[in-house]
Amino acid sequence: MKTSHPQDCADRLLPKAPTGIAGLDEITAGGLPRGRPTLVCGAAGCGKTLLAAEFLVNGALQYGEPGVFMSFEESNDDLVANMRSLGHDLDVLQAEGRLAIDQVKIERSEIEETGEYDLEGMFIRLDHAIRRIGAKRVVLDTIEALFSGLPNQALLRAELRRLFHWLKDRGMTAIVTGERGENTLTRYGLEEYVADCVLLLDHRIVDQVSTRRLRVVKYRGSAHGTNEYPFLIGARGLSVLPITSLRLDHQASGERVSTGVRGLDEMLGKRGVFRGSSVLLSGTAGTGKSSVGASFVDAVCARGEKAVLFAYEESESQLIRNMKSIGIDLGRWKAQGLLEIHASRPTLHGLEQHLVSMYDIVKASKPDAVVIDPISNLVMSQADSSLKATLIRLIDFLKQQGVTSLFTTLTHGPATEVFDSSGVGVSSLMDTWIVLANLEFNGERTRTLQVVKSRGMPHSNQVREFLLSDHGVELVDVFVSDQRVLTGSTRKLREAQEGRG
């Protein structure tokens, strides 16, 4: 007889209200506690108001739950304008009776005149708004404004406690936002009253690059992710990537797909790589990594499949122009809608912000293959240890989606060393590892390719010479003479001498 885990039972018993925010519902195992208040705290500029507003908008649009937004700082017009920049028209939702926005101004001069202060007036306004639209969700933003300039904080705390009980009694799923204190989650200890669920947002600057992160500090009665998760405020709103919650439970396909280089496919058991696997292409500058990556994209699109190319060294126009020199026309695939190219400088975001952006693009585009050229440009210094963790998350995510991925990375050091010198050990994460090198001999440079590993298939152990011609990437047949493998002009000369040319 199968028994249930106690936590699984708790999750089933605890009703939840989905937020509709990508990734957040996965981290919270279904959403925020229904009929209870949730505290969202953090410093200024970390995205508290946008998260709360999107919770209301998604509730109204996706789940049929009208909401009330009560603001103590931001004006109605400012909130409407800010949300419109994310593609949400709050005016339409208000006109349809699915959203109510109310701004409450606390003027100390008026309090001093009357000598009294309580929240009864706010209760009346909030109750009216809830009844008018049949609200199921409520946002109070930012509640610290109630404390500003008021000497009798004991009275205010008692009123807040009453407010939260009032919301619970009416079954409202509420978000209360609060400013973070120096050594506390909130400036006035609100976590004491809103103890069921607490989300902490953080906006940090590292090496002049900003990163936003979210953490579920507490979620009473429910399992939840406890790590820090990067989130991005983009054109479509908030996206949280539940990166550390991914598990090694993806399905491994037995189907093989071409790399776009015929000779390389032959080295990989004559059939190419597994669909949904990860391929690492490493080498020093000028070894042809981008050209092999473009050949891979060309093969994907030629099969009628979709590909996404993330470029961190060249602009889209420059990349398309350069690949034409070896007979690869990426522009035609882009025109047919089979290829998306996203070119940006690595300094545009932090590492994990890049990951969230990739996550959004892959989820929206649903490609069959992804190429990242090069991953080594995402790391700002050789001492940055976060690249490996970022790549683990990205590789696992792509495998969960069944996407075949190819990563290029720039290495340093002698071409004779088969070693990933980026300092982050990414080669161990990959299913297939291909090393490109430049060999200098007799006054000329020859490009070579070797398959260091390819899991789950027989593969060649030879070092092959390859050429970049106007027909793409071409591997040269191995030429052995005098018990040596010959390359370059030496090979051509010996072929001519032996009549093989």
Protein backbone atom coordinates (compact mmCIF):
# COMPACT_ATOMS: atom_id res chain seq x y z
CA MET A 1 0.00 0.00 0.00
CA LYS A 2 1.38 3.34 -1.03
CA THR A 3 1.66 5.95 1.70
CA SER A 4 1.79 9.69 1.24
CA HIS A 5 4.58 11.89 2.46
CA PRO A 6 3.35 14.21 5.26
CA GLN A 7 4.46 17.27 3.32
CA ASP A 8 2.57 16.12 0.23
CA CYS A 9 -0.57 15.92 2.36
CA ALA A 10 0.06 19.43 3.70
CA ASP A 11 0.40 20.79 0.17
CA ARG A 12 -2.92 19.24 -0.81
CA LEU A 13 -4.67 20.62 2.26
CA LEU A 14 -3.29 24.15 1.86
CA PRO A 15 -5.24 26.01 -0.85
CA LYS A 16 -3.02 28.15 -3.06
CA ALA A 17 -3.58 31.08 -5.40
CA PRO A 18 -1.32 30.90 -8.49
CA THR A 19 0.56 34.11 -9.21
CA GLY A 20 0.88 33.53 -12.95
CA ILE A 21 4.48 34.77 -12.71
CA ALA A 22 6.83 32.49 -14.64
CA GLY A 23 8.85 30.36 -12.22
CA LEU A 24 7.40 31.72 -8.99
CA ASP A 25 4.54 29.23 -8.89
CA GLU A 26 7.04 26.41 -9.35
CA ILE A 27 9.20 27.65 -6.48
CA THR A 28 6.18 28.01 -4.18
CA ALA A 29 4.68 24.65 -5.28
CA GLY A 30 1.54 26.23 -6.69
CA GLY A 31 1.40 29.88 -5.66
CA LEU A 32 0.72 31.98 -2.57
CA PRO A 33 -1.45 30.81 0.36
CA ARG A 34 -5.07 31.41 -0.59
CA GLY A 35 -7.04 33.48 1.87
CA ARG A 36 -3.93 34.58 3.76
CA PRO A 37 -1.57 37.56 3.60
CA THR A 38 1.92 37.26 2.11
CA LEU A 39 4.72 39.69 2.92
CA VAL A 40 6.93 40.80 0.01
CA CYS A 41 9.88 42.75 1.37
CA GLY A 42 13.06 44.26 0.00
CA ALA A 43 14.99 47.46 -0.54
CA ALA A 44 13.88 50.25 -2.85
CA GLY A 45 14.03 49.34 -6.55
CA CYS A 46 13.98 45.57 -6.15
CA GLY A 47 10.57 45.10 -7.84
CA LYS A 48 8.10 44.69 -4.96
CA THR A 49 5.36 46.85 -6.50
CA LEU A 50 5.66 45.25 -9.93
CA LEU A 51 5.47 41.74 -8.46
CA ALA A 52 2.38 42.67 -6.45
CA ALA A 53 0.69 44.39 -9.39
CA GLU A 54 1.39 41.47 -11.72
CA PHE A 55 -0.11 39.13 -9.11
CA LEU A 56 -3.35 41.13 -9.35
CA VAL A 57 -3.31 41.46 -13.15
CA ASN A 58 -2.69 37.75 -13.68
CA GLY A 59 -5.40 36.92 -11.17
CA ALA A 60 -7.90 39.02 -13.11
CA LEU A 61 -6.85 37.89 -16.60
CA GLN A 62 -5.93 34.23 -16.09
CA TYR A 63 -7.84 33.02 -13.03
CA GLY A 64 -11.01 35.09 -12.94
CA GLU A 65 -10.17 36.65 -9.57
CA PRO A 66 -10.71 40.44 -9.39
CA GLY A 67 -8.29 42.41 -7.23
CA VAL A 68 -7.87 45.62 -5.27
CA PHE A 69 -4.61 47.57 -5.29
CA MET A 70 -4.35 50.01 -2.39
CA SER A 71 -1.30 52.24 -2.65
CA PHE A 72 0.12 54.42 0.11
CA GLU A 73 2.90 55.95 -2.00
CA GLU A 74 2.51 55.58 -5.77
CA SER A 75 -0.24 57.49 -7.54
CA ASN A 76 -2.83 55.75 -9.70
CA ASP A 77 -1.47 57.35 -12.86
CA ASP A 78 2.10 56.28 -12.10
CA LEU A 79 1.06 52.69 -11.45
CA VAL A 80 -1.00 52.55 -14.66
CA ALA A 81 1.91 53.98 -16.68
CA ASN A 82 4.44 51.58 -15.15
CA MET A 83 2.32 48.51 -15.82
CA ARG A 84 1.55 49.66 -19.36
CA SER A 85 5.28 49.47 -20.08
CA LEU A 86 5.02 45.73 -19.31
CA GLY A 87 2.07 45.27 -21.65
CA HIS A 88 -0.76 45.51 -19.08
CA ASP A 89 -3.53 48.11 -19.43
CA LEU A 90 -4.90 48.67 -15.93
CA ASP A 91 -7.42 51.24 -17.18
CA VAL A 92 -9.17 48.54 -19.21
CA LEU A 93 -9.24 46.17 -16.25
CA GLN A 94 -10.73 48.91 -14.07
CA ALA A 95 -13.37 49.73 -16.67
CA GLU A 96 -14.32 46.04 -16.85
CA GLY A 97 -14.70 45.83 -13.07
CA ARG A 98 -11.87 43.34 -12.67
CA LEU A 99 -9.48 45.70 -10.88
CA ALA A 100 -9.82 48.58 -8.42
CA ILE A 101 -6.98 50.99 -7.63
CA ASP A 102 -7.17 53.26 -4.59
CA GLN A 103 -4.50 55.64 -3.37
CA VAL A 104 -4.51 56.44 0.34
CA LYS A 105 -2.57 59.53 1.40
CA ILE A 106 -1.47 59.82 5.00
CA GLU A 107 -1.03 63.49 5.90
CA ARG A 108 0.56 64.11 9.29
CA SER A 109 -0.92 67.63 9.46
CA GLU A 110 -4.45 66.20 9.33
CA ILE A 111 -3.61 63.71 12.10
CA GLU A 112 -2.23 66.46 14.32
CA GLU A 113 -5.40 68.48 13.86
CA THR A 114 -7.69 65.68 15.02
CA GLY A 115 -5.33 64.13 17.53
CA GLU A 116 -6.51 60.65 16.60
CA TYR A 117 -5.25 57.99 14.25
CA ASP A 118 -6.56 54.58 13.35
CA LEU A 119 -7.17 52.57 10.21
CA GLU A 120 -10.94 52.49 10.37
CA GLY A 121 -11.27 54.80 7.39
CA MET A 122 -8.97 52.54 5.36
CA PHE A 123 -11.03 49.51 6.36
CA ILE A 124 -14.16 51.19 5.05
CA ARG A 125 -12.54 52.15 1.73
CA LEU A 126 -11.00 48.71 1.28
CA ASP A 127 -14.26 46.94 2.14
CA HIS A 128 -16.15 49.11 -0.35
CA ALA A 129 -13.68 48.33 -3.15
CA ILE A 130 -13.77 44.60 -2.39
CA ARG A 131 -17.55 44.49 -2.41
CA ARG A 132 -17.86 46.63 -5.52
CA ILE A 133 -15.88 44.29 -7.79
CA GLY A 134 -16.17 41.04 -5.82
CA ALA A 135 -12.42 41.00 -5.20
CA LYS A 136 -10.52 37.85 -4.26
CA ARG A 137 -7.07 39.41 -4.15
CA VAL A 138 -5.72 42.49 -2.37
CA VAL A 139 -2.40 44.35 -2.49
CA LEU A 140 -1.29 46.88 0.15
CA ASP A 141 1.74 48.83 -1.13
CA THR A 142 3.93 50.02 0.68
CA ILE A 143 2.64 49.69 4.20
CA GLU A 144 5.62 51.46 5.82
CA ALA A 145 4.08 54.71 4.65
CA LEU A 146 1.54 54.33 7.45
CA PHE A 147 4.36 54.55 10.00
CA SER A 148 6.00 57.62 8.49
CA GLY A 149 6.14 60.49 10.92
CA LEU A 150 3.71 58.97 13.43
CA PRO A 151 4.83 58.89 17.07
CA ASN A 152 2.31 56.34 18.34
CA GLN A 153 3.64 53.19 16.66
CA ALA A 154 2.12 50.91 19.31
CA LEU A 155 -1.37 51.98 18.24
CA LEU A 156 -0.48 51.52 14.59
CA ARG A 157 0.89 48.01 15.19
CA ALA A 158 -2.34 47.05 16.89
CA GLU A 159 -4.29 48.43 13.92
CA LEU A 160 -2.13 46.49 11.47
CA ARG A 161 -2.70 43.29 13.40
CA ARG A 162 -6.40 44.00 13.17
CA LEU A 163 -6.08 44.67 9.43
CA PHE A 164 -4.42 41.32 8.74
CA HIS A 165 -7.05 39.47 10.77
CA TRP A 166 -9.70 41.43 8.87
CA LEU A 167 -8.24 40.27 5.53
CA LYS A 168 -8.11 36.66 6.71
CA ASP A 169 -11.69 36.76 7.96
CA ARG A 170 -12.85 37.84 4.48
CA GLY A 171 -10.77 35.15 2.74
CA MET A 172 -8.63 37.66 0.85
CA THR A 173 -5.40 36.44 -0.74
CA ALA A 174 -3.26 39.46 0.02
CA ILE A 175 0.22 40.76 -0.71
CA VAL A 176 1.63 43.32 1.70
CA THR A 177 4.85 45.00 0.58
CA GLY A 178 7.38 46.38 3.02
CA GLU A 179 10.78 48.09 2.97
CA ARG A 180 13.68 46.04 4.24
CA GLY A 181 15.36 47.11 7.50
CA GLU A 182 19.09 47.16 8.24
CA ASN A 183 19.17 43.89 10.18
CA THR A 184 15.55 42.81 9.82
CA LEU A 185 13.31 41.74 6.98
CA THR A 186 11.21 44.87 7.35
CA ARG A 187 11.81 48.23 8.94
CA TYR A 188 9.03 47.91 11.51
CA GLY A 189 8.89 44.16 12.09
CA LEU A 190 5.88 43.40 9.91
CA GLU A 191 6.99 39.79 9.57
CA GLU A 192 5.63 39.28 13.08
CA TYR A 193 2.10 39.84 11.78
CA VAL A 194 2.36 38.34 8.27
CA ALA A 195 4.01 35.08 9.22
CA ASP A 196 2.40 32.60 6.82
CA CYS A 197 4.50 33.43 3.75
CA VAL A 198 7.43 35.83 3.36
CA LEU A 199 9.22 36.60 0.07
CA LEU A 200 12.48 38.56 0.13
CA LEU A 201 13.58 40.46 -2.98
CA ASP A 202 17.13 41.67 -3.41
CA HIS A 203 18.78 44.01 -5.91
CA ARG A 204 22.57 43.79 -5.77
CA ILE A 205 25.41 45.27 -7.80
CA VAL A 206 28.50 43.12 -8.48
CA ASP A 207 31.30 44.45 -10.71
CA GLN A 208 28.97 47.26 -11.80
CA VAL A 209 26.39 44.73 -13.06
CA SER A 210 22.98 44.54 -11.37
CA THR A 211 21.18 41.32 -10.48
CA ARG A 212 17.78 40.84 -8.88
CA ARG A 213 17.12 37.77 -6.74
CA LEU A 214 14.17 36.28 -4.89
CA ARG A 215 14.07 34.00 -1.86
CA VAL A 216 11.16 32.35 -0.05
CA VAL A 217 12.11 33.04 3.55
CA LYS A 218 9.10 31.29 5.02
CA TYR A 219 6.04 29.40 3.80
CA ARG A 220 4.04 27.87 6.61
CA GLY A 221 2.40 24.53 5.78
CA SER A 222 3.97 24.08 2.35
CA ALA A 223 7.11 22.80 0.70
CA HIS A 224 9.02 25.48 -1.19
CA GLY A 225 12.36 26.25 -2.77
CA THR A 226 14.74 27.75 -0.22
CA ASN A 227 17.53 28.98 -2.49
CA GLU A 228 18.05 32.38 -4.06
CA TYR A 229 16.53 32.61 -7.53
CA PRO A 230 17.42 35.26 -10.12
CA PHE A 231 14.51 37.14 -11.62
CA LEU A 232 14.25 39.57 -14.49
CA ILE A 233 11.91 42.48 -15.12
CA GLY A 234 11.49 42.33 -18.88
CA ALA A 235 9.12 43.45 -21.59
CA ARG A 236 6.60 40.76 -20.57
CA GLY A 237 6.81 41.36 -16.83
CA LEU A 238 8.58 39.36 -14.16
CA SER A 239 10.31 36.04 -14.80
CA VAL A 240 11.77 33.96 -12.01
CA LEU A 241 14.00 31.07 -12.97
CA PRO A 242 13.73 28.14 -10.54
CA ILE A 243 17.26 27.16 -11.49
CA THR A 244 18.27 25.05 -8.52
CA SER A 245 15.01 23.12 -8.44
CA LEU A 246 15.78 21.31 -11.71
CA ARG A 247 16.34 17.58 -11.34
CA LEU A 248 18.10 14.97 -13.45
CA ASP A 249 14.86 13.39 -14.62
CA HIS A 250 14.77 14.42 -18.28
CA GLN A 251 14.09 11.83 -20.96
CA ALA A 252 17.10 10.83 -23.08
CA SER A 253 16.31 10.53 -26.79
CA GLY A 254 17.85 7.81 -28.94
CA GLU A 255 17.40 9.87 -32.12
CA ARG A 256 20.54 11.23 -33.78
CA VAL A 257 20.83 14.58 -35.58
CA SER A 258 23.51 15.96 -37.87
CA THR A 259 26.11 18.46 -36.67
CA GLY A 260 26.11 20.09 -40.12
CA VAL A 261 29.65 18.85 -40.82
CA ARG A 262 29.59 15.56 -42.73
CA GLY A 263 33.04 14.45 -41.64
CA LEU A 264 32.24 15.20 -38.00
CA ASP A 265 29.05 13.14 -38.21
CA GLU A 266 31.17 10.26 -39.46
CA MET A 267 33.49 10.63 -36.47
CA LEU A 268 30.43 10.38 -34.22
CA GLY A 269 29.41 6.90 -35.29
CA LYS A 270 28.40 8.20 -38.76
CA ARG A 271 25.12 9.53 -37.34
CA GLY A 272 25.84 12.80 -35.48
CA VAL A 273 24.86 13.64 -31.89
CA PHE A 274 21.84 12.63 -29.83
CA ARG A 275 18.83 14.93 -30.00
CA GLY A 276 18.49 16.88 -26.77
CA SER A 277 22.14 16.40 -25.83
CA SER A 278 24.74 19.09 -25.05
CA VAL A 279 27.84 19.68 -27.17
CA LEU A 280 30.91 21.70 -26.17
CA LEU A 281 33.15 23.11 -28.89
CA SER A 282 36.37 24.52 -27.41
CA GLY A 283 39.48 26.00 -28.91
CA THR A 284 41.80 28.97 -29.04
CA ALA A 285 41.07 32.09 -31.11
CA GLY A 286 40.78 31.52 -34.85
CA THR A 287 40.21 27.77 -34.73
CA GLY A 288 36.77 27.98 -36.39
CA LYS A 289 34.41 27.58 -33.43
CA SER A 290 31.81 30.07 -34.72
CA SER A 291 31.96 28.52 -38.20
CA VAL A 292 31.24 25.03 -36.87
CA GLY A 293 28.46 26.49 -34.72
CA ALA A 294 26.94 28.19 -37.77
CA SER A 295 27.15 24.89 -39.69
CA PHE A 296 25.19 23.26 -36.88
CA VAL A 297 22.51 25.98 -37.06
CA ASP A 298 22.38 25.65 -40.86
CA ALA A 299 21.74 21.90 -40.59
CA VAL A 300 18.99 22.39 -38.00
CA CYS A 301 17.13 24.92 -40.14
CA ALA A 302 17.66 22.85 -43.32
CA ARG A 303 15.65 20.09 -41.59
CA GLY A 304 12.80 22.55 -41.14
CA GLU A 305 13.46 22.87 -37.40
CA LYS A 306 13.85 26.04 -35.34
CA ALA A 307 17.11 27.31 -33.87
CA VAL A 308 18.11 30.13 -31.53
CA LEU A 309 21.63 31.58 -31.66
CA PHE A 310 22.96 33.66 -28.76
CA ALA A 311 25.98 35.66 -29.96
CA TYR A 312 28.26 37.50 -27.54
CA GLU A 313 31.04 38.61 -29.87
CA GLU A 314 29.45 39.73 -33.14
CA SER A 315 26.35 41.66 -34.09
CA GLU A 316 23.62 39.88 -36.01
CA SER A 317 24.50 41.67 -39.25
CA GLN A 318 28.21 40.96 -38.90
CA LEU A 319 27.59 37.30 -38.11
CA ILE A 320 25.35 36.81 -41.16
CA ARG A 321 27.91 38.58 -43.39
CA ASN A 322 30.87 36.57 -42.10
CA MET A 323 29.16 33.20 -42.46
CA LYS A 324 28.36 33.93 -46.12
CA SER A 325 32.12 33.78 -46.78
CA ILE A 326 32.01 30.03 -46.10
CA GLY A 327 28.78 29.44 -48.00
CA ILE A 328 26.37 29.53 -45.05
CA ASP A 329 23.41 31.90 -45.47
CA LEU A 330 21.90 32.38 -42.03
CA GLY A 331 19.87 35.32 -43.30
CA ARG A 332 17.52 33.09 -45.31
CA TRP A 333 16.67 31.01 -42.27
CA LYS A 334 15.97 34.16 -40.28
CA ALA A 335 13.70 35.42 -43.08
CA GLN A 336 11.80 32.13 -43.02
CA GLY A 337 11.28 32.36 -39.26
CA LEU A 338 13.39 29.28 -38.53
CA LEU A 339 16.25 31.16 -36.85
CA GLU A 340 16.40 33.76 -34.09
CA ILE A 341 19.67 35.57 -33.42
CA HIS A 342 20.06 37.38 -30.11
CA ALA A 343 23.30 39.37 -30.02
CA SER A 344 24.35 41.31 -26.93
CA ARG A 345 27.37 42.27 -24.89
CA PRO A 346 27.99 40.07 -21.83
CA THR A 347 28.11 43.20 -19.68
CA LEU A 348 24.45 43.93 -20.46
CA HIS A 349 23.39 41.73 -17.51
CA GLY A 350 24.88 39.64 -14.77
CA LEU A 351 25.41 35.95 -15.41
CA GLU A 352 22.13 34.82 -13.94
CA GLN A 353 20.24 37.64 -15.63
CA HIS A 354 21.53 36.28 -18.93
CA LEU A 355 20.23 32.88 -17.86
CA VAL A 356 16.76 34.24 -17.10
CA SER A 357 16.72 36.03 -20.46
CA MET A 358 17.70 32.80 -22.27
CA TYR A 359 15.03 30.94 -20.32
CA ASP A 360 12.35 33.41 -21.45
CA ILE A 361 13.44 33.28 -25.09
CA VAL A 362 13.58 29.48 -25.19
CA LYS A 363 10.17 29.15 -23.49
CA ALA A 364 8.64 31.61 -25.96
CA SER A 365 10.35 30.34 -29.15
CA LYS A 366 10.32 26.59 -28.41
CA PRO A 367 13.38 25.90 -30.59
CA ASP A 368 14.76 22.48 -31.48
CA ALA A 369 18.36 23.64 -31.03
CA VAL A 370 20.25 26.41 -29.24
CA VAL A 371 23.78 27.68 -29.91
CA ILE A 372 25.64 29.92 -27.44
CA ASP A 373 28.76 31.52 -28.92
CA PRO A 374 30.83 31.76 -26.78
CA ILE A 375 29.96 30.92 -23.19
CA SER A 376 33.43 32.02 -22.06
CA ASN A 377 32.51 35.66 -22.81
CA LEU A 378 29.86 35.54 -20.09
CA VAL A 379 32.50 35.39 -17.38
CA MET A 380 34.04 38.73 -16.46
CA SER A 381 37.19 37.34 -14.86
CA GLN A 382 39.05 34.04 -14.67
CA ALA A 383 38.33 33.98 -10.93
CA ASP A 384 34.54 34.06 -11.46
CA SER A 385 33.29 30.70 -10.19
CA SER A 386 29.62 31.34 -10.93
CA LEU A 387 29.83 30.37 -14.61
CA LYS A 388 29.85 26.64 -13.89
CA ALA A 389 26.78 26.86 -11.66
CA THR A 390 25.04 28.98 -14.30
CA LEU A 391 25.84 26.47 -17.02
CA ILE A 392 24.61 23.54 -14.95
CA ARG A 393 21.28 25.29 -14.63
CA LEU A 394 21.13 26.20 -18.31
CA ILE A 395 22.13 22.73 -19.55
CA ASP A 396 19.58 21.03 -17.29
CA PHE A 397 16.86 23.41 -18.42
CA LEU A 398 17.59 22.83 -22.12
CA LYS A 399 17.59 19.07 -21.59
CA GLN A 400 14.26 19.29 -19.79
CA GLN A 401 12.92 21.05 -22.90
CA GLY A 402 14.42 18.44 -25.25
CA VAL A 403 16.60 21.08 -26.93
CA THR A 404 19.88 20.09 -28.58
CA SER A 405 22.50 22.62 -27.45
CA LEU A 406 25.95 23.60 -28.72
CA PHE A 407 28.25 25.79 -26.65
CA THR A 408 31.50 27.28 -27.86
CA THR A 409 34.21 28.36 -25.45
CA LEU A 410 37.51 30.16 -25.91
CA THR A 411 40.48 28.37 -24.35
CA HIS A 412 44.03 29.53 -23.75
CA GLY A 413 47.33 27.71 -23.79
CA PRO A 414 49.20 25.40 -26.14
CA ALA A 415 47.11 23.71 -28.81
CA THR A 416 48.68 20.39 -27.84
CA GLU A 417 46.98 20.49 -24.45
CA VAL A 418 43.50 18.94 -24.51
CA PHE A 419 42.40 20.94 -21.54
CA ASP A 420 39.58 23.37 -20.87
CA SER A 421 41.54 26.25 -19.40
CA SER A 422 38.56 28.47 -18.66
CA GLY A 423 38.87 27.45 -15.00
CA VAL A 424 35.22 26.43 -14.59
CA GLY A 425 35.33 22.76 -15.66
CA VAL A 426 32.42 22.97 -18.11
CA SER A 427 33.69 20.05 -20.21
CA SER A 428 32.55 17.53 -17.60
CA LEU A 429 28.96 18.76 -17.95
CA MET A 430 28.72 18.07 -21.65
CA ASP A 431 27.63 14.93 -23.48
CA THR A 432 29.98 15.57 -26.40
CA TRP A 433 33.26 17.51 -26.24
CA ILE A 434 35.02 18.55 -29.44
CA VAL A 435 38.38 20.35 -29.37
CA LEU A 436 39.58 22.56 -32.23
CA ALA A 437 43.21 23.60 -32.51
CA ASN A 438 45.70 25.43 -34.72
CA LEU A 439 48.87 23.48 -35.43
CA GLU A 440 51.88 25.45 -36.67
CA PHE A 441 54.41 23.50 -38.70
CA ASN A 442 56.81 24.33 -41.52
CA GLY A 443 55.67 27.96 -41.73
CA GLU A 444 51.95 27.32 -41.98
CA ARG A 445 48.96 26.91 -39.72
CA THR A 446 46.62 23.96 -39.96
CA ARG A 447 43.22 23.64 -38.26
CA THR A 448 42.51 20.32 -36.57
CA LEU A 449 39.52 18.74 -34.86
CA GLN A 450 39.21 15.87 -32.41
CA VAL A 451 36.35 14.31 -30.45
CA VAL A 452 37.52 14.04 -26.85
CA LYS A 453 34.35 12.34 -25.65
CA SER A 454 30.82 11.57 -26.77
CA ARG A 455 28.65 9.72 -24.29
CA GLY A 456 26.58 6.77 -25.37
CA MET A 457 28.09 6.23 -28.83
CA PRO A 458 31.26 4.96 -30.52
CA HIS A 459 33.41 7.82 -31.81
CA SER A 460 36.68 8.35 -33.60
CA ASN A 461 39.91 8.89 -31.69
CA GLN A 462 41.65 10.53 -34.66
CA VAL A 463 42.81 14.13 -34.95
CA ARG A 464 41.38 15.36 -38.25
CA GLU A 465 42.42 18.31 -40.36
CA PHE A 466 39.59 20.56 -41.49
CA LEU A 467 39.24 23.43 -43.93
CA LEU A 468 37.01 26.49 -44.11
CA SER A 469 36.02 26.87 -47.75
CA ASP A 470 33.24 28.54 -49.67
CA HIS A 471 31.35 25.26 -49.24
CA GLY A 472 31.44 25.38 -45.45
CA VAL A 473 33.44 23.27 -43.02
CA GLU A 474 35.13 20.27 -44.65
CA LEU A 475 37.10 17.56 -42.88
CA VAL A 476 40.06 16.14 -44.78
CA ASP A 477 40.55 12.39 -44.94
CA VAL A 478 43.35 11.13 -42.73
CA PHE A 479 46.61 10.72 -44.66
CA VAL A 480 49.15 8.43 -43.06
CA SER A 481 52.68 8.19 -44.47
CA ASP A 482 55.84 6.89 -42.84
CA GLN A 483 53.73 6.06 -39.77
CA ARG A 484 52.80 9.74 -39.40
CA VAL A 485 49.56 11.67 -39.91
CA LEU A 486 50.31 14.42 -42.43
CA THR A 487 48.45 17.72 -42.62
CA GLY A 488 48.52 20.92 -44.67
CA SER A 489 50.93 21.37 -47.56
CA THR A 490 52.99 18.39 -46.36
CA ARG A 491 49.96 16.20 -46.93
CA LYS A 492 49.29 17.70 -50.35
CA LEU A 493 52.93 17.23 -51.40
CA ARG A 494 53.04 13.62 -50.30
CA GLU A 495 49.69 12.95 -51.99
CA ALA A 496 51.09 14.32 -55.24
CA GLN A 497 54.25 12.26 -54.90
CA GLU A 498 52.27 9.08 -54.30
CA GLY A 499 49.71 9.88 -56.98
CA ARG A 500 46.76 10.23 -54.60
CA GLY A 501 45.99 13.87 -55.23
